[in-house]
Amino acid sequence: MKFAPWIHTSLSVLALATAVASTAHAQGFPERPITMIVPFTPGGVSDITARPLAIGMGANLGQNVVIDNRGGAGGAIGMSATAKARPDGHTVMMALPSIITIPISDRISGRAATFQMDQFKPIARLTADPTVLAVRAESKWNTLADFIRDAKAQPGKLSYSSSGIYGTTHVAMEILANAAGLQMIHAPFSGGGQQIQALLAGQVDATMQTPGAIAAHIASGKLRLLAAMSRDRIPSLPDVPTARELGHDGEFYLWTGVFAPVATPEAVVNRLRAAVKDGSVHPSFTQAMAAQRTPIQYLDSDDFARFLQADTRRLDAVLTKMGKIE
């Protein structure tokens, strides 16, 4: 189809004006401190990843990056707030795979969508750790087989903490429970720190976390790991068998990633990409991740977007097979 010359000229002018406006916006960005929403309470994976990253990002941007913990509903509260935030680059979010699982769970449960993935622009992935099943060291369970035996002998008796219905650690545990045929009590919390403290305090029997989130409690001997939800054994935990090798098929990786509202101008997104990339190699971040035994697995925006598409397909298949869970 051919268009009149004046239409081509108008479109060209519009495109140029948009590009100029975007560039001008980026040149003045940031105008004030950046808010990084963490959709969970302090102490969890997203929180302990966001805080050291914020230091390096702030050094790059010349403005402070302030952490805003907005826990609740498995992360949905903070994620919805980010989706609705003004798309000027001054609000970003450190999210987990629950940004994928919550919209899927809304569909499976027949609920109105809390938010959709297309409301976010992926900036970068920082880490991608498999989850591990942890119990208190003084518990009677020395192996996954011990735990599964008792859970099957007492259906609905053993309990575990999670980040909420269809939250990241809830899905990880339900994948294992589905594979092993277990019925357990689900105790939801609004953040990783609370989940871990509930286990340490004896309020629940188990939890599914990343090794980094519970590294200090593993080192102190307070927690025991029974299995890893990974394809292969975790290099830093070579003595912990995978659920797969013990006969229970299932994997779950808890990644962390930075997002912005989808309408954020491209030039501002590129400025944020540079700041996050710089933050990922800043000593504050690399040392914090090393202390938590969490390998940095950085993916820039385009590669992260492709990773999200593949992870969404995988998790959609898993959750659809599992059906409605509570």
C-alpha atoms as a PDB file:
ATOM      1  CA  MET A   1       0.000   0.000   0.000  1.00  0.00           C
ATOM      2  CA  LYS A   2       1.321   3.456  -0.950  1.00  0.00           C
ATOM      3  CA  PHE A   3       0.860   6.526   1.200  1.00  0.00           C
ATOM      4  CA  ALA A   4       0.795  10.147   0.158  1.00  0.00           C
ATOM      5  CA  PRO A   5       4.139  11.958   0.565  1.00  0.00           C
ATOM      6  CA  TRP A   6       2.755  14.172   3.330  1.00  0.00           C
ATOM      7  CA  ILE A   7       1.863  11.065   5.372  1.00  0.00           C
ATOM      8  CA  HIS A   8       5.432   9.756   5.119  1.00  0.00           C
ATOM      9  CA  THR A   9       6.713  13.191   6.128  1.00  0.00           C
ATOM     10  CA  SER A  10       4.359  13.359   9.118  1.00  0.00           C
ATOM     11  CA  LEU A  11       5.337   9.891  10.275  1.00  0.00           C
ATOM     12  CA  SER A  12       9.017  10.737   9.961  1.00  0.00           C
ATOM     13  CA  VAL A  13       8.563  13.938  11.930  1.00  0.00           C
ATOM     14  CA  LEU A  14       6.612  12.064  14.621  1.00  0.00           C
ATOM     15  CA  ALA A  15       9.285   9.374  14.905  1.00  0.00           C
ATOM     16  CA  LEU A  16      12.017  12.002  15.083  1.00  0.00           C
ATOM     17  CA  ALA A  17      10.114  13.992  17.705  1.00  0.00           C
ATOM     18  CA  THR A  18       9.606  10.830  19.793  1.00  0.00           C
ATOM     19  CA  ALA A  19      13.296   9.948  19.573  1.00  0.00           C
ATOM     20  CA  VAL A  20      14.340  13.516  20.468  1.00  0.00           C
ATOM     21  CA  ALA A  21      11.933  13.587  23.422  1.00  0.00           C
ATOM     22  CA  SER A  22      13.202  10.220  24.644  1.00  0.00           C
ATOM     23  CA  THR A  23      16.827  11.330  24.362  1.00  0.00           C
ATOM     24  CA  ALA A  24      16.096  14.617  26.113  1.00  0.00           C
ATOM     25  CA  HIS A  25      14.356  12.709  28.909  1.00  0.00           C
ATOM     26  CA  ALA A  26      17.374  10.436  29.300  1.00  0.00           C
ATOM     27  CA  GLN A  27      19.774  13.381  29.409  1.00  0.00           C
ATOM     28  CA  GLY A  28      17.901  14.764  32.399  1.00  0.00           C
ATOM     29  CA  PHE A  29      17.546  11.355  34.042  1.00  0.00           C
ATOM     30  CA  PRO A  30      17.637  10.715  36.912  1.00  0.00           C
ATOM     31  CA  GLU A  31      16.205  13.876  38.377  1.00  0.00           C
ATOM     32  CA  ARG A  32      15.783  12.424  41.874  1.00  0.00           C
ATOM     33  CA  PRO A  33      16.476   9.210  43.810  1.00  0.00           C
ATOM     34  CA  ILE A  34      15.341   5.959  42.204  1.00  0.00           C
ATOM     35  CA  THR A  35      12.840   3.778  44.054  1.00  0.00           C
ATOM     36  CA  MET A  36      13.470   0.051  43.720  1.00  0.00           C
ATOM     37  CA  ILE A  37      10.361  -1.827  44.785  1.00  0.00           C
ATOM     38  CA  VAL A  38      11.035  -5.182  46.407  1.00  0.00           C
ATOM     39  CA  PRO A  39       7.658  -6.989  46.437  1.00  0.00           C
ATOM     40  CA  PHE A  40       8.524  -8.929  49.595  1.00  0.00           C
ATOM     41  CA  THR A  41       9.443  -8.147  53.191  1.00  0.00           C
ATOM     42  CA  PRO A  42      13.131  -7.748  54.166  1.00  0.00           C
ATOM     43  CA  GLY A  43      15.423 -10.757  54.382  1.00  0.00           C
ATOM     44  CA  GLY A  44      14.340 -12.731  51.332  1.00  0.00           C
ATOM     45  CA  VAL A  45      16.136 -13.396  48.060  1.00  0.00           C
ATOM     46  CA  SER A  46      14.897 -10.314  46.199  1.00  0.00           C
ATOM     47  CA  ASP A  47      15.716  -8.074  49.168  1.00  0.00           C
ATOM     48  CA  ILE A  48      19.245  -9.367  49.761  1.00  0.00           C
ATOM     49  CA  THR A  49      19.936  -9.075  46.031  1.00  0.00           C
ATOM     50  CA  ALA A  50      18.444  -5.604  45.654  1.00  0.00           C
ATOM     51  CA  ARG A  51      20.259  -3.894  48.527  1.00  0.00           C
ATOM     52  CA  PRO A  52      23.876  -4.439  47.410  1.00  0.00           C
ATOM     53  CA  LEU A  53      22.913  -3.852  43.758  1.00  0.00           C
ATOM     54  CA  ALA A  54      21.390  -0.487  44.720  1.00  0.00           C
ATOM     55  CA  ILE A  55      24.776   0.719  45.954  1.00  0.00           C
ATOM     56  CA  GLY A  56      26.494   0.143  42.608  1.00  0.00           C
ATOM     57  CA  MET A  57      23.527   1.479  40.638  1.00  0.00           C
ATOM     58  CA  GLY A  58      23.499   4.638  42.741  1.00  0.00           C
ATOM     59  CA  ALA A  59      27.192   5.213  42.108  1.00  0.00           C
ATOM     60  CA  ASN A  60      26.587   4.933  38.376  1.00  0.00           C
ATOM     61  CA  LEU A  61      23.473   7.131  38.286  1.00  0.00           C
ATOM     62  CA  GLY A  62      24.649   9.792  40.707  1.00  0.00           C
ATOM     63  CA  GLN A  63      21.448   9.357  42.725  1.00  0.00           C
ATOM     64  CA  ASN A  64      20.526   7.092  45.614  1.00  0.00           C
ATOM     65  CA  VAL A  65      18.567   3.943  44.831  1.00  0.00           C
ATOM     66  CA  VAL A  66      16.118   3.507  47.707  1.00  0.00           C
ATOM     67  CA  ILE A  67      14.658   0.083  48.548  1.00  0.00           C
ATOM     68  CA  ASP A  68      10.891   0.046  49.078  1.00  0.00           C
ATOM     69  CA  ASN A  69       9.687  -3.284  50.527  1.00  0.00           C
ATOM     70  CA  ARG A  70       6.037  -3.897  49.610  1.00  0.00           C
ATOM     71  CA  GLY A  71       5.306  -7.453  50.646  1.00  0.00           C
ATOM     72  CA  GLY A  72       2.084  -9.394  50.417  1.00  0.00           C
ATOM     73  CA  ALA A  73       0.033 -11.674  48.166  1.00  0.00           C
ATOM     74  CA  GLY A  74       3.068 -13.641  47.011  1.00  0.00           C
ATOM     75  CA  GLY A  75       4.598 -10.490  45.557  1.00  0.00           C
ATOM     76  CA  ALA A  76       1.486  -9.310  43.721  1.00  0.00           C
ATOM     77  CA  ILE A  77       1.089  -6.099  45.746  1.00  0.00           C
ATOM     78  CA  GLY A  78       4.532  -4.737  44.917  1.00  0.00           C
ATOM     79  CA  MET A  79       4.372  -5.966  41.325  1.00  0.00           C
ATOM     80  CA  SER A  80       1.014  -4.290  40.745  1.00  0.00           C
ATOM     81  CA  ALA A  81       2.390  -1.066  42.220  1.00  0.00           C
ATOM     82  CA  THR A  82       5.325  -1.203  39.815  1.00  0.00           C
ATOM     83  CA  ALA A  83       3.075  -1.872  36.822  1.00  0.00           C
ATOM     84  CA  LYS A  84       1.032   1.231  37.704  1.00  0.00           C
ATOM     85  CA  ALA A  85       4.003   3.462  38.546  1.00  0.00           C
ATOM     86  CA  ARG A  86       4.834   6.504  36.444  1.00  0.00           C
ATOM     87  CA  PRO A  87       7.029   5.186  33.600  1.00  0.00           C
ATOM     88  CA  ASP A  88       9.806   7.759  33.905  1.00  0.00           C
ATOM     89  CA  GLY A  89      12.580   5.461  35.115  1.00  0.00           C
ATOM     90  CA  HIS A  90      12.406   6.581  38.723  1.00  0.00           C
ATOM     91  CA  THR A  91      10.599   3.387  39.771  1.00  0.00           C
ATOM     92  CA  VAL A  92      12.057  -0.059  39.099  1.00  0.00           C
ATOM     93  CA  MET A  93      11.523  -3.449  40.727  1.00  0.00           C
ATOM     94  CA  MET A  94      13.574  -6.456  41.791  1.00  0.00           C
ATOM     95  CA  ALA A  95      11.334  -9.423  40.999  1.00  0.00           C
ATOM     96  CA  LEU A  96      11.348 -13.212  41.248  1.00  0.00           C
ATOM     97  CA  PRO A  97       9.669 -15.908  39.085  1.00  0.00           C
ATOM     98  CA  SER A  98       6.373 -15.082  40.793  1.00  0.00           C
ATOM     99  CA  ILE A  99       6.078 -12.295  38.215  1.00  0.00           C
ATOM    100  CA  ILE A 100       5.429 -15.204  35.823  1.00  0.00           C
ATOM    101  CA  THR A 101       3.478 -17.556  38.089  1.00  0.00           C
ATOM    102  CA  ILE A 102       0.952 -15.047  39.470  1.00  0.00           C
ATOM    103  CA  PRO A 103      -0.676 -14.232  36.097  1.00  0.00           C
ATOM    104  CA  ILE A 104      -0.740 -17.958  35.281  1.00  0.00           C
ATOM    105  CA  SER A 105      -2.331 -18.747  38.645  1.00  0.00           C
ATOM    106  CA  ASP A 106      -4.932 -16.025  38.133  1.00  0.00           C
ATOM    107  CA  ARG A 107      -5.933 -17.708  34.879  1.00  0.00           C
ATOM    108  CA  ILE A 108      -5.980 -21.221  36.369  1.00  0.00           C
ATOM    109  CA  SER A 109      -8.034 -20.055  39.364  1.00  0.00           C
ATOM    110  CA  GLY A 110     -10.476 -18.064  37.239  1.00  0.00           C
ATOM    111  CA  ARG A 111      -9.582 -14.782  38.969  1.00  0.00           C
ATOM    112  CA  ALA A 112      -9.298 -11.372  37.369  1.00  0.00           C
ATOM    113  CA  ALA A 113      -5.667 -10.749  36.408  1.00  0.00           C
ATOM    114  CA  THR A 114      -3.718  -8.902  39.102  1.00  0.00           C
ATOM    115  CA  PHE A 115      -1.229  -7.790  36.457  1.00  0.00           C
ATOM    116  CA  GLN A 116       0.230  -9.119  33.222  1.00  0.00           C
ATOM    117  CA  MET A 117       3.837  -9.699  32.172  1.00  0.00           C
ATOM    118  CA  ASP A 118       3.463  -7.287  29.261  1.00  0.00           C
ATOM    119  CA  GLN A 119       3.123  -4.435  31.748  1.00  0.00           C
ATOM    120  CA  PHE A 120       6.851  -4.674  32.498  1.00  0.00           C
ATOM    121  CA  LYS A 121      10.065  -4.005  30.608  1.00  0.00           C
ATOM    122  CA  PRO A 122      12.854  -6.424  31.572  1.00  0.00           C
ATOM    123  CA  ILE A 123      16.093  -4.585  32.354  1.00  0.00           C
ATOM    124  CA  ALA A 124      18.427  -7.412  33.422  1.00  0.00           C
ATOM    125  CA  ARG A 125      18.643 -10.737  35.224  1.00  0.00           C
ATOM    126  CA  LEU A 126      21.126 -10.909  38.095  1.00  0.00           C
ATOM    127  CA  THR A 127      21.043 -14.442  39.518  1.00  0.00           C
ATOM    128  CA  ALA A 128      19.362 -17.806  38.916  1.00  0.00           C
ATOM    129  CA  ASP A 129      19.657 -20.256  41.801  1.00  0.00           C
ATOM    130  CA  PRO A 130      17.966 -23.640  42.236  1.00  0.00           C
ATOM    131  CA  THR A 131      15.860 -23.998  45.381  1.00  0.00           C
ATOM    132  CA  VAL A 132      16.713 -26.446  48.185  1.00  0.00           C
ATOM    133  CA  LEU A 133      14.503 -28.204  50.728  1.00  0.00           C
ATOM    134  CA  ALA A 134      15.544 -27.263  54.262  1.00  0.00           C
ATOM    135  CA  VAL A 135      14.544 -28.587  57.698  1.00  0.00           C
ATOM    136  CA  ARG A 136      15.842 -27.826  61.182  1.00  0.00           C
ATOM    137  CA  ALA A 137      19.063 -29.628  62.013  1.00  0.00           C
ATOM    138  CA  GLU A 138      17.545 -31.152  65.154  1.00  0.00           C
ATOM    139  CA  SER A 139      14.659 -32.669  63.198  1.00  0.00           C
ATOM    140  CA  LYS A 140      14.484 -36.437  62.716  1.00  0.00           C
ATOM    141  CA  TRP A 141      14.761 -36.136  58.927  1.00  0.00           C
ATOM    142  CA  ASN A 142      18.251 -36.840  57.666  1.00  0.00           C
ATOM    143  CA  THR A 143      17.262 -37.581  54.086  1.00  0.00           C
ATOM    144  CA  LEU A 144      14.532 -36.695  51.622  1.00  0.00           C
ATOM    145  CA  ALA A 145      13.300 -40.285  51.894  1.00  0.00           C
ATOM    146  CA  ASP A 146      12.808 -39.799  55.663  1.00  0.00           C
ATOM    147  CA  PHE A 147      10.795 -36.635  55.085  1.00  0.00           C
ATOM    148  CA  ILE A 148       8.651 -38.139  52.337  1.00  0.00           C
ATOM    149  CA  ARG A 149       7.981 -41.278  54.409  1.00  0.00           C
ATOM    150  CA  ASP A 150       6.607 -39.242  57.327  1.00  0.00           C
ATOM    151  CA  ALA A 151       4.677 -36.856  55.090  1.00  0.00           C
ATOM    152  CA  LYS A 152       2.945 -39.809  53.428  1.00  0.00           C
ATOM    153  CA  ALA A 153       2.300 -41.516  56.764  1.00  0.00           C
ATOM    154  CA  GLN A 154       0.641 -38.350  58.092  1.00  0.00           C
ATOM    155  CA  PRO A 155      -1.154 -36.636  55.196  1.00  0.00           C
ATOM    156  CA  GLY A 156      -1.867 -32.979  55.956  1.00  0.00           C
ATOM    157  CA  LYS A 157       0.257 -33.025  59.128  1.00  0.00           C
ATOM    158  CA  LEU A 158       3.685 -31.693  58.087  1.00  0.00           C
ATOM    159  CA  SER A 159       3.870 -27.995  57.239  1.00  0.00           C
ATOM    160  CA  TYR A 160       6.041 -25.678  55.186  1.00  0.00           C
ATOM    161  CA  SER A 161       6.464 -21.919  54.841  1.00  0.00           C
ATOM    162  CA  SER A 162       6.222 -20.082  51.544  1.00  0.00           C
ATOM    163  CA  SER A 163       5.897 -16.639  49.995  1.00  0.00           C
ATOM    164  CA  GLY A 164       2.137 -17.034  49.475  1.00  0.00           C
ATOM    165  CA  ILE A 165      -0.321 -18.748  47.125  1.00  0.00           C
ATOM    166  CA  TYR A 166       1.502 -19.395  43.833  1.00  0.00           C
ATOM    167  CA  GLY A 167       4.471 -17.436  45.128  1.00  0.00           C
ATOM    168  CA  THR A 168       7.957 -18.541  44.179  1.00  0.00           C
ATOM    169  CA  THR A 169       8.716 -20.841  47.102  1.00  0.00           C
ATOM    170  CA  HIS A 170       5.136 -22.133  47.152  1.00  0.00           C
ATOM    171  CA  VAL A 171       5.421 -23.302  43.549  1.00  0.00           C
ATOM    172  CA  ALA A 172       8.845 -24.845  44.216  1.00  0.00           C
ATOM    173  CA  MET A 173       7.487 -26.909  47.121  1.00  0.00           C
ATOM    174  CA  GLU A 174       4.327 -27.878  45.273  1.00  0.00           C
ATOM    175  CA  ILE A 175       6.397 -29.166  42.359  1.00  0.00           C
ATOM    176  CA  LEU A 176       8.164 -31.528  44.767  1.00  0.00           C
ATOM    177  CA  ALA A 177       4.928 -32.415  46.597  1.00  0.00           C
ATOM    178  CA  ASN A 178       3.236 -33.184  43.287  1.00  0.00           C
ATOM    179  CA  ALA A 179       6.150 -35.351  42.142  1.00  0.00           C
ATOM    180  CA  ALA A 180       6.301 -37.268  45.444  1.00  0.00           C
ATOM    181  CA  GLY A 181       2.555 -37.453  46.081  1.00  0.00           C
ATOM    182  CA  LEU A 182       2.568 -35.427  49.317  1.00  0.00           C
ATOM    183  CA  GLN A 183      -0.172 -33.532  51.141  1.00  0.00           C
ATOM    184  CA  MET A 184       1.190 -30.869  53.488  1.00  0.00           C
ATOM    185  CA  ILE A 185       0.000 -27.768  55.309  1.00  0.00           C
ATOM    186  CA  HIS A 186       0.899 -24.559  53.480  1.00  0.00           C
ATOM    187  CA  ALA A 187       1.835 -21.616  55.729  1.00  0.00           C
ATOM    188  CA  PRO A 188       2.157 -18.431  53.620  1.00  0.00           C
ATOM    189  CA  PHE A 189       4.280 -15.447  54.642  1.00  0.00           C
ATOM    190  CA  SER A 190       4.966 -12.125  52.935  1.00  0.00           C
ATOM    191  CA  GLY A 191       8.717 -12.507  52.595  1.00  0.00           C
ATOM    192  CA  GLY A 192      11.685 -14.848  52.668  1.00  0.00           C
ATOM    193  CA  GLY A 193      12.965 -13.656  56.026  1.00  0.00           C
ATOM    194  CA  GLN A 194       9.684 -14.542  57.707  1.00  0.00           C
ATOM    195  CA  GLN A 195       9.578 -17.933  55.997  1.00  0.00           C
ATOM    196  CA  ILE A 196      13.033 -18.802  57.297  1.00  0.00           C
ATOM    197  CA  GLN A 197      12.346 -17.514  60.811  1.00  0.00           C
ATOM    198  CA  ALA A 198       9.156 -19.593  60.949  1.00  0.00           C
ATOM    199  CA  LEU A 199      11.223 -22.715  60.294  1.00  0.00           C
ATOM    200  CA  LEU A 200      13.917 -21.770  62.800  1.00  0.00           C
ATOM    201  CA  ALA A 201      11.253 -21.077  65.438  1.00  0.00           C
ATOM    202  CA  GLY A 202       9.587 -24.446  64.888  1.00  0.00           C
ATOM    203  CA  GLN A 203       6.373 -22.954  63.527  1.00  0.00           C
ATOM    204  CA  VAL A 204       6.699 -25.058  60.349  1.00  0.00           C
ATOM    205  CA  ASP A 205       8.553 -28.262  59.500  1.00  0.00           C
ATOM    206  CA  ALA A 206      10.267 -27.254  56.250  1.00  0.00           C
ATOM    207  CA  THR A 207      10.838 -24.529  53.708  1.00  0.00           C
ATOM    208  CA  MET A 208      12.064 -24.274  50.123  1.00  0.00           C
ATOM    209  CA  GLN A 209      14.671 -21.530  49.644  1.00  0.00           C
ATOM    210  CA  THR A 210      17.794 -20.701  47.667  1.00  0.00           C
ATOM    211  CA  PRO A 211      21.123 -21.691  49.243  1.00  0.00           C
ATOM    212  CA  GLY A 212      22.055 -18.003  49.460  1.00  0.00           C
ATOM    213  CA  ALA A 213      19.002 -17.038  51.502  1.00  0.00           C
ATOM    214  CA  ILE A 214      19.822 -19.601  54.198  1.00  0.00           C
ATOM    215  CA  ALA A 215      23.621 -19.748  53.834  1.00  0.00           C
ATOM    216  CA  ALA A 216      24.266 -18.380  57.327  1.00  0.00           C
ATOM    217  CA  HIS A 217      21.920 -20.922  58.922  1.00  0.00           C
ATOM    218  CA  ILE A 218      23.505 -23.777  56.959  1.00  0.00           C
ATOM    219  CA  ALA A 219      26.973 -22.630  58.052  1.00  0.00           C
ATOM    220  CA  SER A 220      25.869 -22.308  61.698  1.00  0.00           C
ATOM    221  CA  GLY A 221      24.425 -25.814  61.654  1.00  0.00           C
ATOM    222  CA  LYS A 222      20.859 -24.702  62.364  1.00  0.00           C
ATOM    223  CA  LEU A 223      19.411 -26.021  59.123  1.00  0.00           C
ATOM    224  CA  ARG A 224      19.842 -29.265  57.176  1.00  0.00           C
ATOM    225  CA  LEU A 225      19.366 -29.580  53.425  1.00  0.00           C
ATOM    226  CA  LEU A 226      17.563 -32.657  52.124  1.00  0.00           C
ATOM    227  CA  ALA A 227      17.453 -32.077  48.360  1.00  0.00           C
ATOM    228  CA  ALA A 228      18.088 -29.592  45.574  1.00  0.00           C
ATOM    229  CA  MET A 229      15.496 -28.788  42.919  1.00  0.00           C
ATOM    230  CA  SER A 230      18.045 -28.680  40.118  1.00  0.00           C
ATOM    231  CA  ARG A 231      19.049 -30.843  37.175  1.00  0.00           C
ATOM    232  CA  ASP A 232      22.561 -31.372  38.572  1.00  0.00           C
ATOM    233  CA  ARG A 233      24.050 -31.074  42.044  1.00  0.00           C
ATOM    234  CA  ILE A 234      24.908 -27.548  43.141  1.00  0.00           C
ATOM    235  CA  PRO A 235      28.717 -27.082  42.949  1.00  0.00           C
ATOM    236  CA  SER A 236      28.869 -25.281  46.311  1.00  0.00           C
ATOM    237  CA  LEU A 237      26.752 -28.054  47.931  1.00  0.00           C
ATOM    238  CA  PRO A 238      28.117 -31.264  46.362  1.00  0.00           C
ATOM    239  CA  ASP A 239      26.796 -33.494  49.161  1.00  0.00           C
ATOM    240  CA  VAL A 240      23.167 -32.439  48.660  1.00  0.00           C
ATOM    241  CA  PRO A 241      21.417 -34.799  46.203  1.00  0.00           C
ATOM    242  CA  THR A 242      18.894 -33.555  43.684  1.00  0.00           C
ATOM    243  CA  ALA A 243      15.242 -34.547  43.972  1.00  0.00           C
ATOM    244  CA  ARG A 244      15.550 -35.901  40.436  1.00  0.00           C
ATOM    245  CA  GLU A 245      18.335 -38.337  41.309  1.00  0.00           C
ATOM    246  CA  LEU A 246      16.266 -39.517  44.274  1.00  0.00           C
ATOM    247  CA  GLY A 247      13.420 -40.413  41.940  1.00  0.00           C
ATOM    248  CA  HIS A 248      11.245 -37.295  42.144  1.00  0.00           C
ATOM    249  CA  ASP A 249      11.201 -35.432  38.857  1.00  0.00           C
ATOM    250  CA  GLY A 250      11.060 -31.664  39.216  1.00  0.00           C
ATOM    251  CA  GLU A 251      13.200 -28.543  38.991  1.00  0.00           C
ATOM    252  CA  PHE A 252      12.772 -24.967  40.121  1.00  0.00           C
ATOM    253  CA  TYR A 253      15.191 -22.069  39.767  1.00  0.00           C
ATOM    254  CA  LEU A 254      14.685 -18.869  41.707  1.00  0.00           C
ATOM    255  CA  TRP A 255      16.079 -16.043  39.603  1.00  0.00           C
ATOM    256  CA  THR A 256      16.203 -12.335  40.383  1.00  0.00           C
ATOM    257  CA  GLY A 257      15.666  -9.618  37.801  1.00  0.00           C
ATOM    258  CA  VAL A 258      15.160  -5.876  37.482  1.00  0.00           C
ATOM    259  CA  PHE A 259      12.064  -4.540  35.683  1.00  0.00           C
ATOM    260  CA  ALA A 260      10.593  -1.142  34.846  1.00  0.00           C
ATOM    261  CA  PRO A 261       7.064  -0.139  33.786  1.00  0.00           C
ATOM    262  CA  VAL A 262       6.693  -1.061  30.110  1.00  0.00           C
ATOM    263  CA  ALA A 263       6.118   2.503  28.865  1.00  0.00           C
ATOM    264  CA  THR A 264       9.463   3.742  30.212  1.00  0.00           C
ATOM    265  CA  PRO A 265      11.230   5.578  27.348  1.00  0.00           C
ATOM    266  CA  GLU A 266      13.838   3.512  25.532  1.00  0.00           C
ATOM    267  CA  ALA A 267      16.646   5.955  26.227  1.00  0.00           C
ATOM    268  CA  VAL A 268      15.859   5.825  29.952  1.00  0.00           C
ATOM    269  CA  VAL A 269      15.691   2.015  29.817  1.00  0.00           C
ATOM    270  CA  ASN A 270      19.149   2.003  28.245  1.00  0.00           C
ATOM    271  CA  ARG A 271      20.424   4.266  31.033  1.00  0.00           C
ATOM    272  CA  LEU A 272      18.991   1.868  33.601  1.00  0.00           C
ATOM    273  CA  ARG A 273      20.538  -1.110  31.771  1.00  0.00           C
ATOM    274  CA  ALA A 274      23.957   0.524  32.015  1.00  0.00           C
ATOM    275  CA  ALA A 275      23.457   1.263  35.713  1.00  0.00           C
ATOM    276  CA  VAL A 276      22.334  -2.285  36.534  1.00  0.00           C
ATOM    277  CA  LYS A 277      25.195  -3.788  34.536  1.00  0.00           C
ATOM    278  CA  ASP A 278      27.653  -1.541  36.351  1.00  0.00           C
ATOM    279  CA  GLY A 279      26.014  -2.453  39.656  1.00  0.00           C
ATOM    280  CA  SER A 280      26.367  -6.167  38.910  1.00  0.00           C
ATOM    281  CA  VAL A 281      30.176  -5.888  38.894  1.00  0.00           C
ATOM    282  CA  HIS A 282      30.424  -3.370  41.751  1.00  0.00           C
ATOM    283  CA  PRO A 283      32.318  -4.777  44.778  1.00  0.00           C
ATOM    284  CA  SER A 284      29.286  -4.234  47.029  1.00  0.00           C
ATOM    285  CA  PHE A 285      27.302  -6.646  44.876  1.00  0.00           C
ATOM    286  CA  THR A 286      29.932  -9.218  43.949  1.00  0.00           C
ATOM    287  CA  GLN A 287      31.090  -9.537  47.557  1.00  0.00           C
ATOM    288  CA  ALA A 288      27.520  -9.860  48.862  1.00  0.00           C
ATOM    289  CA  MET A 289      26.703 -12.595  46.343  1.00  0.00           C
ATOM    290  CA  ALA A 290      29.954 -14.430  47.121  1.00  0.00           C
ATOM    291  CA  ALA A 291      29.149 -14.321  50.842  1.00  0.00           C
ATOM    292  CA  GLN A 292      25.757 -15.887  50.091  1.00  0.00           C
ATOM    293  CA  ARG A 293      27.283 -18.472  47.737  1.00  0.00           C
ATOM    294  CA  THR A 294      25.050 -17.127  44.994  1.00  0.00           C
ATOM    295  CA  PRO A 295      26.605 -17.140  41.513  1.00  0.00           C
ATOM    296  CA  ILE A 296      25.950 -14.047  39.416  1.00  0.00           C
ATOM    297  CA  GLN A 297      24.262 -15.082  36.159  1.00  0.00           C
ATOM    298  CA  TYR A 298      23.768 -11.768  34.410  1.00  0.00           C
ATOM    299  CA  LEU A 299      21.559 -11.391  31.334  1.00  0.00           C
ATOM    300  CA  ASP A 300      21.067  -8.047  29.621  1.00  0.00           C
ATOM    301  CA  SER A 301      17.616  -6.858  28.520  1.00  0.00           C
ATOM    302  CA  ASP A 302      17.205  -8.730  25.216  1.00  0.00           C
ATOM    303  CA  ASP A 303      18.654 -12.015  26.491  1.00  0.00           C
ATOM    304  CA  PHE A 304      16.603 -11.685  29.666  1.00  0.00           C
ATOM    305  CA  ALA A 305      13.441 -11.200  27.593  1.00  0.00           C
ATOM    306  CA  ARG A 306      14.169 -14.425  25.674  1.00  0.00           C
ATOM    307  CA  PHE A 307      14.851 -16.244  28.960  1.00  0.00           C
ATOM    308  CA  LEU A 308      11.508 -15.009  30.335  1.00  0.00           C
ATOM    309  CA  GLN A 309       9.635 -16.304  27.297  1.00  0.00           C
ATOM    310  CA  ALA A 310      11.165 -19.770  27.747  1.00  0.00           C
ATOM    311  CA  ASP A 311      10.629 -19.799  31.533  1.00  0.00           C
ATOM    312  CA  THR A 312       7.023 -18.693  31.081  1.00  0.00           C
ATOM    313  CA  ARG A 313       6.345 -21.601  28.709  1.00  0.00           C
ATOM    314  CA  ARG A 314       7.958 -24.063  31.149  1.00  0.00           C
ATOM    315  CA  LEU A 315       6.150 -22.790  34.246  1.00  0.00           C
ATOM    316  CA  ASP A 316       2.834 -22.490  32.421  1.00  0.00           C
ATOM    317  CA  ALA A 317       3.061 -26.181  31.478  1.00  0.00           C
ATOM    318  CA  VAL A 318       3.997 -27.167  35.050  1.00  0.00           C
ATOM    319  CA  LEU A 319       1.268 -25.125  36.749  1.00  0.00           C
ATOM    320  CA  THR A 320      -1.415 -26.084  34.262  1.00  0.00           C
ATOM    321  CA  LYS A 321      -0.614 -29.752  34.895  1.00  0.00           C
ATOM    322  CA  MET A 322      -0.764 -29.192  38.659  1.00  0.00           C
ATOM    323  CA  GLY A 323      -4.074 -27.337  38.390  1.00  0.00           C
ATOM    324  CA  LYS A 324      -5.553 -25.213  41.140  1.00  0.00           C
ATOM    325  CA  ILE A 325      -3.524 -25.374  44.356  1.00  0.00           C
ATOM    326  CA  GLU A 326      -4.190 -23.821  47.737  1.00  0.00           C
END
